[in-house]
Amino acid sequence: MKKAANPKVRVLTSGTKLIAKEMQANAGDLLPAHLANVESILLVQEGECILKMNDEDHVLKPGDAMVIPPEIKHQITVIKSFKAVHFMPNDIEFKFFDSLI
């Protein structure tokens, strides 16, 4: 079984209610399966990934965005080294899982 790798993350900007974080990962990386208590938006800037959510695979390329609903377990597999921006509320809470989806 493949082991999940954490992406490189940096804060781009934040306000009183929202934060934007840049995520970077290499081709072949499998990011940790997780869910959050509120919805967020993922916008791919470079590369390509598969976002697995609700037993569906969503292929995301530069310019593609996806709303990730609250309490939905999801996981990213990186196809081509990628960079994405994750927009979310400051008070978001994540729950991570050891198992893959």
PDB file of N, CA and C in Angstrom:
ATOM      1  N   MET A   1       0.847  -1.167   0.000  1.00  0.00           N
ATOM      2  CA  MET A   1       0.000   0.000   0.000  1.00  0.00           C
ATOM      3  C   MET A   1       0.900   1.241   0.000  1.00  0.00           C
ATOM      4  N   LYS A   2       0.537   2.222  -0.827  1.00  0.00           N
ATOM      5  CA  LYS A   2       1.312   3.445  -0.928  1.00  0.00           C
ATOM      6  C   LYS A   2       1.083   4.331   0.295  1.00  0.00           C
ATOM      7  N   LYS A   3       2.147   4.953   0.759  1.00  0.00           N
ATOM      8  CA  LYS A   3       2.062   5.831   1.925  1.00  0.00           C
ATOM      9  C   LYS A   3       1.766   7.261   1.470  1.00  0.00           C
ATOM     10  N   ALA A   4       0.890   7.931   2.182  1.00  0.00           N
ATOM     11  CA  ALA A   4       0.532   9.310   1.853  1.00  0.00           C
ATOM     12  C   ALA A   4       1.680  10.250   2.214  1.00  0.00           C
ATOM     13  N   ALA A   5       1.835  11.292   1.388  1.00  0.00           N
ATOM     14  CA  ALA A   5       2.864  12.314   1.604  1.00  0.00           C
ATOM     15  C   ALA A   5       2.185  13.659   1.818  1.00  0.00           C
ATOM     16  N   ASN A   6       2.716  14.448   2.722  1.00  0.00           N
ATOM     17  CA  ASN A   6       2.150  15.774   2.963  1.00  0.00           C
ATOM     18  C   ASN A   6       2.615  16.753   1.891  1.00  0.00           C
ATOM     19  N   PRO A   7       1.709  17.611   1.417  1.00  0.00           N
ATOM     20  CA  PRO A   7       2.110  18.622   0.446  1.00  0.00           C
ATOM     21  C   PRO A   7       2.898  19.738   1.125  1.00  0.00           C
ATOM     22  N   LYS A   8       3.612  20.501   0.334  1.00  0.00           N
ATOM     23  CA  LYS A   8       4.252  21.720   0.832  1.00  0.00           C
ATOM     24  C   LYS A   8       3.150  22.785   0.853  1.00  0.00           C
ATOM     25  N   VAL A   9       2.964  23.441   1.992  1.00  0.00           N
ATOM     26  CA  VAL A   9       1.871  24.416   2.140  1.00  0.00           C
ATOM     27  C   VAL A   9       2.432  25.744   2.646  1.00  0.00           C
ATOM     28  N   ARG A  10       1.936  26.834   2.064  1.00  0.00           N
ATOM     29  CA  ARG A  10       2.286  28.161   2.573  1.00  0.00           C
ATOM     30  C   ARG A  10       1.066  29.069   2.491  1.00  0.00           C
ATOM     31  N   VAL A  11       0.939  29.951   3.451  1.00  0.00           N
ATOM     32  CA  VAL A  11      -0.173  30.898   3.480  1.00  0.00           C
ATOM     33  C   VAL A  11       0.115  32.011   2.477  1.00  0.00           C
ATOM     34  N   LEU A  12      -0.837  32.258   1.582  1.00  0.00           N
ATOM     35  CA  LEU A  12      -0.703  33.342   0.615  1.00  0.00           C
ATOM     36  C   LEU A  12      -1.233  34.651   1.185  1.00  0.00           C
ATOM     37  N   THR A  13      -2.391  34.562   1.816  1.00  0.00           N
ATOM     38  CA  THR A  13      -3.006  35.734   2.431  1.00  0.00           C
ATOM     39  C   THR A  13      -4.107  35.280   3.369  1.00  0.00           C
ATOM     40  N   SER A  14      -4.447  36.133   4.330  1.00  0.00           N
ATOM     41  CA  SER A  14      -5.550  35.810   5.222  1.00  0.00           C
ATOM     42  C   SER A  14      -6.229  37.089   5.667  1.00  0.00           C
ATOM     43  N   GLY A  15      -7.500  36.953   5.983  1.00  0.00           N
ATOM     44  CA  GLY A  15      -8.289  38.073   6.463  1.00  0.00           C
ATOM     45  C   GLY A  15      -8.929  37.698   7.786  1.00  0.00           C
ATOM     46  N   THR A  16      -9.988  38.397   8.140  1.00  0.00           N
ATOM     47  CA  THR A  16     -10.647  38.115   9.406  1.00  0.00           C
ATOM     48  C   THR A  16     -11.451  36.812   9.354  1.00  0.00           C
ATOM     49  N   LYS A  17     -11.910  36.424   8.153  1.00  0.00           N
ATOM     50  CA  LYS A  17     -12.729  35.219   8.041  1.00  0.00           C
ATOM     51  C   LYS A  17     -12.153  34.167   7.099  1.00  0.00           C
ATOM     52  N   LEU A  18     -11.340  34.573   6.122  1.00  0.00           N
ATOM     53  CA  LEU A  18     -10.863  33.640   5.100  1.00  0.00           C
ATOM     54  C   LEU A  18      -9.348  33.565   5.050  1.00  0.00           C
ATOM     55  N   ILE A  19      -8.856  32.437   4.526  1.00  0.00           N
ATOM     56  CA  ILE A  19      -7.422  32.233   4.320  1.00  0.00           C
ATOM     57  C   ILE A  19      -7.233  31.526   2.973  1.00  0.00           C
ATOM     58  N   ALA A  20      -6.158  31.872   2.272  1.00  0.00           N
ATOM     59  CA  ALA A  20      -5.787  31.207   1.021  1.00  0.00           C
ATOM     60  C   ALA A  20      -4.408  30.598   1.220  1.00  0.00           C
ATOM     61  N   LYS A  21      -4.320  29.283   0.994  1.00  0.00           N
ATOM     62  CA  LYS A  21      -3.060  28.566   1.159  1.00  0.00           C
ATOM     63  C   LYS A  21      -2.659  27.939  -0.169  1.00  0.00           C
ATOM     64  N   GLU A  22      -1.374  28.050  -0.496  1.00  0.00           N
ATOM     65  CA  GLU A  22      -0.851  27.390  -1.680  1.00  0.00           C
ATOM     66  C   GLU A  22      -0.353  26.006  -1.298  1.00  0.00           C
ATOM     67  N   MET A  23      -0.723  25.002  -2.113  1.00  0.00           N
ATOM     68  CA  MET A  23      -0.271  23.624  -1.906  1.00  0.00           C
ATOM     69  C   MET A  23       0.587  23.227  -3.097  1.00  0.00           C
ATOM     70  N   GLN A  24       1.686  22.535  -2.836  1.00  0.00           N
ATOM     71  CA  GLN A  24       2.529  22.001  -3.900  1.00  0.00           C
ATOM     72  C   GLN A  24       2.835  20.544  -3.592  1.00  0.00           C
ATOM     73  N   ALA A  25       2.854  19.720  -4.649  1.00  0.00           N
ATOM     74  CA  ALA A  25       3.204  18.311  -4.471  1.00  0.00           C
ATOM     75  C   ALA A  25       3.794  17.798  -5.780  1.00  0.00           C
ATOM     76  N   ASN A  26       4.546  16.724  -5.669  1.00  0.00           N
ATOM     77  CA  ASN A  26       5.239  16.150  -6.822  1.00  0.00           C
ATOM     78  C   ASN A  26       4.429  15.058  -7.495  1.00  0.00           C
ATOM     79  N   ALA A  27       4.710  14.838  -8.778  1.00  0.00           N
ATOM     80  CA  ALA A  27       4.059  13.764  -9.524  1.00  0.00           C
ATOM     81  C   ALA A  27       4.215  12.459  -8.770  1.00  0.00           C
ATOM     82  N   GLY A  28       3.134  11.705  -8.680  1.00  0.00           N
ATOM     83  CA  GLY A  28       3.149  10.421  -7.994  1.00  0.00           C
ATOM     84  C   GLY A  28       2.794  10.490  -6.522  1.00  0.00           C
ATOM     85  N   ASP A  29       2.781  11.696  -5.944  1.00  0.00           N
ATOM     86  CA  ASP A  29       2.430  11.828  -4.530  1.00  0.00           C
ATOM     87  C   ASP A  29       0.957  11.505  -4.302  1.00  0.00           C
ATOM     88  N   LEU A  30       0.684  10.871  -3.197  1.00  0.00           N
ATOM     89  CA  LEU A  30      -0.669  10.618  -2.719  1.00  0.00           C
ATOM     90  C   LEU A  30      -0.797  11.414  -1.432  1.00  0.00           C
ATOM     91  N   LEU A  31      -1.694  12.394  -1.419  1.00  0.00           N
ATOM     92  CA  LEU A  31      -1.846  13.248  -0.243  1.00  0.00           C
ATOM     93  C   LEU A  31      -2.778  12.572   0.768  1.00  0.00           C
ATOM     94  N   PRO A  32      -2.673  12.944   2.039  1.00  0.00           N
ATOM     95  CA  PRO A  32      -3.475  12.275   3.078  1.00  0.00           C
ATOM     96  C   PRO A  32      -4.990  12.416   2.861  1.00  0.00           C
ATOM     97  N   ALA A  33      -5.710  11.341   3.106  1.00  0.00           N
ATOM     98  CA  ALA A  33      -7.172  11.373   3.076  1.00  0.00           C
ATOM     99  C   ALA A  33      -7.650  12.177   4.278  1.00  0.00           C
ATOM    100  N   HIS A  34      -8.636  13.036   4.059  1.00  0.00           N
ATOM    101  CA  HIS A  34      -9.129  13.865   5.157  1.00  0.00           C
ATOM    102  C   HIS A  34     -10.511  14.411   4.839  1.00  0.00           C
ATOM    103  N   LEU A  35     -11.104  15.073   5.821  1.00  0.00           N
ATOM    104  CA  LEU A  35     -12.335  15.826   5.635  1.00  0.00           C
ATOM    105  C   LEU A  35     -12.235  17.076   6.486  1.00  0.00           C
ATOM    106  N   ALA A  36     -13.134  18.018   6.223  1.00  0.00           N
ATOM    107  CA  ALA A  36     -13.165  19.266   6.982  1.00  0.00           C
ATOM    108  C   ALA A  36     -14.598  19.536   7.426  1.00  0.00           C
ATOM    109  N   ASN A  37     -14.738  20.371   8.433  1.00  0.00           N
ATOM    110  CA  ASN A  37     -16.059  20.656   8.992  1.00  0.00           C
ATOM    111  C   ASN A  37     -16.845  21.691   8.186  1.00  0.00           C
ATOM    112  N   VAL A  38     -16.195  22.392   7.265  1.00  0.00           N
ATOM    113  CA  VAL A  38     -16.854  23.402   6.427  1.00  0.00           C
ATOM    114  C   VAL A  38     -16.382  23.233   4.980  1.00  0.00           C
ATOM    115  N   GLU A  39     -17.112  23.827   4.041  1.00  0.00           N
ATOM    116  CA  GLU A  39     -16.702  23.708   2.645  1.00  0.00           C
ATOM    117  C   GLU A  39     -15.494  24.593   2.348  1.00  0.00           C
ATOM    118  N   SER A  40     -14.791  24.219   1.290  1.00  0.00           N
ATOM    119  CA  SER A  40     -13.637  24.992   0.833  1.00  0.00           C
ATOM    120  C   SER A  40     -13.575  24.873  -0.685  1.00  0.00           C
ATOM    121  N   ILE A  41     -12.648  25.614  -1.291  1.00  0.00           N
ATOM    122  CA  ILE A  41     -12.481  25.587  -2.744  1.00  0.00           C
ATOM    123  C   ILE A  41     -11.023  25.324  -3.065  1.00  0.00           C
ATOM    124  N   LEU A  42     -10.791  24.406  -3.990  1.00  0.00           N
ATOM    125  CA  LEU A  42      -9.457  24.095  -4.481  1.00  0.00           C
ATOM    126  C   LEU A  42      -9.360  24.580  -5.921  1.00  0.00           C
ATOM    127  N   LEU A  43      -8.352  25.404  -6.237  1.00  0.00           N
ATOM    128  CA  LEU A  43      -8.119  25.937  -7.581  1.00  0.00           C
ATOM    129  C   LEU A  43      -6.730  25.500  -8.031  1.00  0.00           C
ATOM    130  N   VAL A  44      -6.654  24.699  -9.077  1.00  0.00           N
ATOM    131  CA  VAL A  44      -5.372  24.210  -9.584  1.00  0.00           C
ATOM    132  C   VAL A  44      -4.737  25.277 -10.469  1.00  0.00           C
ATOM    133  N   GLN A  45      -3.477  25.582 -10.183  1.00  0.00           N
ATOM    134  CA  GLN A  45      -2.724  26.569 -10.960  1.00  0.00           C
ATOM    135  C   GLN A  45      -1.796  25.911 -11.975  1.00  0.00           C
ATOM    136  N   GLU A  46      -1.150  24.831 -11.571  1.00  0.00           N
ATOM    137  CA  GLU A  46      -0.185  24.132 -12.430  1.00  0.00           C
ATOM    138  C   GLU A  46      -0.335  22.633 -12.228  1.00  0.00           C
ATOM    139  N   GLY A  47       0.029  21.866 -13.256  1.00  0.00           N
ATOM    140  CA  GLY A  47       0.061  20.414 -13.138  1.00  0.00           C
ATOM    141  C   GLY A  47      -1.302  19.768 -13.276  1.00  0.00           C
ATOM    142  N   GLU A  48      -1.429  18.575 -12.691  1.00  0.00           N
ATOM    143  CA  GLU A  48      -2.663  17.806 -12.809  1.00  0.00           C
ATOM    144  C   GLU A  48      -2.792  16.872 -11.609  1.00  0.00           C
ATOM    145  N   CYS A  49      -4.029  16.709 -11.139  1.00  0.00           N
ATOM    146  CA  CYS A  49      -4.277  15.797 -10.019  1.00  0.00           C
ATOM    147  C   CYS A  49      -5.633  15.137 -10.179  1.00  0.00           C
ATOM    148  N   ILE A  50      -5.822  14.097  -9.392  1.00  0.00           N
ATOM    149  CA  ILE A  50      -7.127  13.447  -9.293  1.00  0.00           C
ATOM    150  C   ILE A  50      -7.617  13.677  -7.869  1.00  0.00           C
ATOM    151  N   LEU A  51      -8.775  14.298  -7.755  1.00  0.00           N
ATOM    152  CA  LEU A  51      -9.423  14.500  -6.461  1.00  0.00           C
ATOM    153  C   LEU A  51     -10.488  13.416  -6.331  1.00  0.00           C
ATOM    154  N   LYS A  52     -10.280  12.484  -5.402  1.00  0.00           N
ATOM    155  CA  LYS A  52     -11.257  11.418  -5.163  1.00  0.00           C
ATOM    156  C   LYS A  52     -12.179  11.876  -4.052  1.00  0.00           C
ATOM    157  N   MET A  53     -13.470  11.892  -4.378  1.00  0.00           N
ATOM    158  CA  MET A  53     -14.470  12.372  -3.431  1.00  0.00           C
ATOM    159  C   MET A  53     -15.781  11.661  -3.748  1.00  0.00           C
ATOM    160  N   ASN A  54     -16.439  11.115  -2.732  1.00  0.00           N
ATOM    161  CA  ASN A  54     -17.704  10.396  -2.934  1.00  0.00           C
ATOM    162  C   ASN A  54     -17.568   9.264  -3.949  1.00  0.00           C
ATOM    163  N   ASP A  55     -16.458   8.534  -3.874  1.00  0.00           N
ATOM    164  CA  ASP A  55     -16.194   7.413  -4.791  1.00  0.00           C
ATOM    165  C   ASP A  55     -16.137   7.830  -6.253  1.00  0.00           C
ATOM    166  N   GLU A  56     -15.901   9.106  -6.513  1.00  0.00           N
ATOM    167  CA  GLU A  56     -15.740   9.606  -7.876  1.00  0.00           C
ATOM    168  C   GLU A  56     -14.365  10.233  -8.015  1.00  0.00           C
ATOM    169  N   ASP A  57     -13.752  10.046  -9.186  1.00  0.00           N
ATOM    170  CA  ASP A  57     -12.475  10.664  -9.495  1.00  0.00           C
ATOM    171  C   ASP A  57     -12.716  11.909 -10.347  1.00  0.00           C
ATOM    172  N   HIS A  58     -12.200  13.041  -9.887  1.00  0.00           N
ATOM    173  CA  HIS A  58     -12.307  14.308 -10.606  1.00  0.00           C
ATOM    174  C   HIS A  58     -10.903  14.705 -11.046  1.00  0.00           C
ATOM    175  N   VAL A  59     -10.650  14.707 -12.353  1.00  0.00           N
ATOM    176  CA  VAL A  59      -9.348  15.114 -12.868  1.00  0.00           C
ATOM    177  C   VAL A  59      -9.336  16.638 -12.947  1.00  0.00           C
ATOM    178  N   LEU A  60      -8.354  17.247 -12.278  1.00  0.00           N
ATOM    179  CA  LEU A  60      -8.252  18.705 -12.238  1.00  0.00           C
ATOM    180  C   LEU A  60      -6.950  19.143 -12.891  1.00  0.00           C
ATOM    181  N   LYS A  61      -7.067  20.114 -13.801  1.00  0.00           N
ATOM    182  CA  LYS A  61      -5.925  20.673 -14.534  1.00  0.00           C
ATOM    183  C   LYS A  61      -5.882  22.176 -14.290  1.00  0.00           C
ATOM    184  N   PRO A  62      -4.842  22.871 -14.757  1.00  0.00           N
ATOM    185  CA  PRO A  62      -4.746  24.315 -14.512  1.00  0.00           C
ATOM    186  C   PRO A  62      -6.031  25.061 -14.892  1.00  0.00           C
ATOM    187  N   GLY A  63      -6.497  25.887 -13.972  1.00  0.00           N
ATOM    188  CA  GLY A  63      -7.719  26.657 -14.166  1.00  0.00           C
ATOM    189  C   GLY A  63      -8.967  25.971 -13.645  1.00  0.00           C
ATOM    190  N   ASP A  64      -8.881  24.682 -13.333  1.00  0.00           N
ATOM    191  CA  ASP A  64     -10.031  23.947 -12.798  1.00  0.00           C
ATOM    192  C   ASP A  64     -10.163  24.212 -11.299  1.00  0.00           C
ATOM    193  N   ALA A  65     -11.400  24.309 -10.853  1.00  0.00           N
ATOM    194  CA  ALA A  65     -11.682  24.523  -9.432  1.00  0.00           C
ATOM    195  C   ALA A  65     -12.757  23.536  -8.998  1.00  0.00           C
ATOM    196  N   MET A  66     -12.737  23.192  -7.723  1.00  0.00           N
ATOM    197  CA  MET A  66     -13.725  22.261  -7.177  1.00  0.00           C
ATOM    198  C   MET A  66     -14.114  22.720  -5.779  1.00  0.00           C
ATOM    199  N   VAL A  67     -15.425  22.771  -5.531  1.00  0.00           N
ATOM    200  CA  VAL A  67     -15.920  23.015  -4.178  1.00  0.00           C
ATOM    201  C   VAL A  67     -15.892  21.680  -3.450  1.00  0.00           C
ATOM    202  N   ILE A  68     -15.272  21.678  -2.283  1.00  0.00           N
ATOM    203  CA  ILE A  68     -15.216  20.472  -1.465  1.00  0.00           C
ATOM    204  C   ILE A  68     -16.198  20.660  -0.312  1.00  0.00           C
ATOM    205  N   PRO A  69     -17.300  19.918  -0.336  1.00  0.00           N
ATOM    206  CA  PRO A  69     -18.330  20.081   0.694  1.00  0.00           C
ATOM    207  C   PRO A  69     -17.829  19.678   2.084  1.00  0.00           C
ATOM    208  N   PRO A  70     -18.499  20.160   3.123  1.00  0.00           N
ATOM    209  CA  PRO A  70     -18.110  19.761   4.480  1.00  0.00           C
ATOM    210  C   PRO A  70     -18.396  18.292   4.733  1.00  0.00           C
ATOM    211  N   GLU A  71     -17.582  17.716   5.614  1.00  0.00           N
ATOM    212  CA  GLU A  71     -17.757  16.340   6.099  1.00  0.00           C
ATOM    213  C   GLU A  71     -17.696  15.290   4.993  1.00  0.00           C
ATOM    214  N   ILE A  72     -17.007  15.592   3.883  1.00  0.00           N
ATOM    215  CA  ILE A  72     -16.830  14.624   2.800  1.00  0.00           C
ATOM    216  C   ILE A  72     -15.363  14.198   2.764  1.00  0.00           C
ATOM    217  N   LYS A  73     -15.118  12.919   2.994  1.00  0.00           N
ATOM    218  CA  LYS A  73     -13.753  12.398   2.951  1.00  0.00           C
ATOM    219  C   LYS A  73     -13.246  12.491   1.514  1.00  0.00           C
ATOM    220  N   HIS A  74     -12.023  13.006   1.357  1.00  0.00           N
ATOM    221  CA  HIS A  74     -11.454  13.155   0.026  1.00  0.00           C
ATOM    222  C   HIS A  74      -9.941  13.000   0.066  1.00  0.00           C
ATOM    223  N   GLN A  75      -9.360  12.769  -1.128  1.00  0.00           N
ATOM    224  CA  GLN A  75      -7.925  12.536  -1.221  1.00  0.00           C
ATOM    225  C   GLN A  75      -7.450  12.920  -2.620  1.00  0.00           C
ATOM    226  N   ILE A  76      -6.225  13.434  -2.681  1.00  0.00           N
ATOM    227  CA  ILE A  76      -5.641  13.868  -3.949  1.00  0.00           C
ATOM    228  C   ILE A  76      -4.477  12.956  -4.324  1.00  0.00           C
ATOM    229  N   THR A  77      -4.475  12.518  -5.588  1.00  0.00           N
ATOM    230  CA  THR A  77      -3.344  11.833  -6.198  1.00  0.00           C
ATOM    231  C   THR A  77      -2.771  12.784  -7.237  1.00  0.00           C
ATOM    232  N   VAL A  78      -1.477  13.056  -7.159  1.00  0.00           N
ATOM    233  CA  VAL A  78      -0.842  14.001  -8.077  1.00  0.00           C
ATOM    234  C   VAL A  78      -0.375  13.252  -9.322  1.00  0.00           C
ATOM    235  N   ILE A  79      -0.842  13.698 -10.485  1.00  0.00           N
ATOM    236  CA  ILE A  79      -0.465  13.098 -11.761  1.00  0.00           C
ATOM    237  C   ILE A  79       0.784  13.793 -12.315  1.00  0.00           C
ATOM    238  N   LYS A  80       0.709  15.118 -12.438  1.00  0.00           N
ATOM    239  CA  LYS A  80       1.848  15.949 -12.848  1.00  0.00           C
ATOM    240  C   LYS A  80       2.096  16.917 -11.711  1.00  0.00           C
ATOM    241  N   SER A  81       3.366  17.105 -11.341  1.00  0.00           N
ATOM    242  CA  SER A  81       3.687  18.006 -10.222  1.00  0.00           C
ATOM    243  C   SER A  81       2.771  19.211 -10.276  1.00  0.00           C
ATOM    244  N   PHE A  82       2.147  19.511  -9.138  1.00  0.00           N
ATOM    245  CA  PHE A  82       1.122  20.546  -9.184  1.00  0.00           C
ATOM    246  C   PHE A  82       1.259  21.580  -8.091  1.00  0.00           C
ATOM    247  N   LYS A  83       0.559  22.683  -8.366  1.00  0.00           N
ATOM    248  CA  LYS A  83       0.446  23.787  -7.426  1.00  0.00           C
ATOM    249  C   LYS A  83      -1.030  24.190  -7.471  1.00  0.00           C
ATOM    250  N   ALA A  84      -1.615  24.379  -6.296  1.00  0.00           N
ATOM    251  CA  ALA A  84      -3.023  24.755  -6.205  1.00  0.00           C
ATOM    252  C   ALA A  84      -3.210  25.727  -5.054  1.00  0.00           C
ATOM    253  N   VAL A  85      -4.292  26.496  -5.115  1.00  0.00           N
ATOM    254  CA  VAL A  85      -4.662  27.381  -4.014  1.00  0.00           C
ATOM    255  C   VAL A  85      -5.919  26.814  -3.372  1.00  0.00           C
ATOM    256  N   HIS A  86      -5.880  26.728  -2.044  1.00  0.00           N
ATOM    257  CA  HIS A  86      -6.998  26.209  -1.258  1.00  0.00           C
ATOM    258  C   HIS A  86      -7.573  27.390  -0.473  1.00  0.00           C
ATOM    259  N   PHE A  87      -8.814  27.758  -0.789  1.00  0.00           N
ATOM    260  CA  PHE A  87      -9.509  28.864  -0.133  1.00  0.00           C
ATOM    261  C   PHE A  87     -10.437  28.283   0.929  1.00  0.00           C
ATOM    262  N   MET A  88     -10.357  28.821   2.166  1.00  0.00           N
ATOM    263  CA  MET A  88     -11.142  28.245   3.257  1.00  0.00           C
ATOM    264  C   MET A  88     -11.355  29.269   4.369  1.00  0.00           C
ATOM    265  N   PRO A  89     -12.325  29.017   5.250  1.00  0.00           N
ATOM    266  CA  PRO A  89     -12.485  29.865   6.429  1.00  0.00           C
ATOM    267  C   PRO A  89     -11.306  29.658   7.389  1.00  0.00           C
ATOM    268  N   ASN A  90     -10.961  30.702   8.121  1.00  0.00           N
ATOM    269  CA  ASN A  90      -9.875  30.613   9.113  1.00  0.00           C
ATOM    270  C   ASN A  90     -10.133  29.548  10.170  1.00  0.00           C
ATOM    271  N   ASP A  91     -11.389  29.338  10.512  1.00  0.00           N
ATOM    272  CA  ASP A  91     -11.703  28.408  11.606  1.00  0.00           C
ATOM    273  C   ASP A  91     -11.970  26.975  11.138  1.00  0.00           C
ATOM    274  N   ILE A  92     -11.525  26.643   9.941  1.00  0.00           N
ATOM    275  CA  ILE A  92     -11.714  25.285   9.418  1.00  0.00           C
ATOM    276  C   ILE A  92     -11.022  24.266  10.325  1.00  0.00           C
ATOM    277  N   GLU A  93     -11.635  23.098  10.472  1.00  0.00           N
ATOM    278  CA  GLU A  93     -11.053  22.008  11.258  1.00  0.00           C
ATOM    279  C   GLU A  93     -10.960  20.773  10.368  1.00  0.00           C
ATOM    280  N   PHE A  94      -9.785  20.169  10.322  1.00  0.00           N
ATOM    281  CA  PHE A  94      -9.547  18.994   9.496  1.00  0.00           C
ATOM    282  C   PHE A  94      -9.486  17.736  10.356  1.00  0.00           C
ATOM    283  N   LYS A  95      -9.921  16.626   9.767  1.00  0.00           N
ATOM    284  CA  LYS A  95      -9.756  15.306  10.378  1.00  0.00           C
ATOM    285  C   LYS A  95      -9.050  14.446   9.338  1.00  0.00           C
ATOM    286  N   PHE A  96      -7.890  13.899   9.713  1.00  0.00           N
ATOM    287  CA  PHE A  96      -7.097  13.087   8.797  1.00  0.00           C
ATOM    288  C   PHE A  96      -7.285  11.609   9.099  1.00  0.00           C
ATOM    289  N   PHE A  97      -7.123  10.772   8.044  1.00  0.00           N
ATOM    290  CA  PHE A  97      -7.312   9.330   8.150  1.00  0.00           C
ATOM    291  C   PHE A  97      -6.041   8.613   7.725  1.00  0.00           C
ATOM    292  N   ASP A  98      -5.738   7.500   8.393  1.00  0.00           N
ATOM    293  CA  ASP A  98      -4.585   6.689   8.018  1.00  0.00           C
ATOM    294  C   ASP A  98      -4.873   5.872   6.760  1.00  0.00           C
ATOM    295  N   SER A  99      -6.117   5.487   6.571  1.00  0.00           N
ATOM    296  CA  SER A  99      -6.469   4.650   5.424  1.00  0.00           C
ATOM    297  C   SER A  99      -6.618   5.481   4.156  1.00  0.00           C
ATOM    298  N   LEU A 100      -6.410   4.828   3.034  1.00  0.00           N
ATOM    299  CA  LEU A 100      -6.567   5.478   1.740  1.00  0.00           C
ATOM    300  C   LEU A 100      -8.006   5.313   1.271  1.00  0.00           C
ATOM    301  N   ILE A 101      -8.413   6.185   0.377  1.00  0.00           N
ATOM    302  CA  ILE A 101      -9.765   6.030  -0.175  1.00  0.00           C
ATOM    303  C   ILE A 101      -9.683   5.774  -1.670  1.00  0.00           C
TER     304      ILE A 101
END
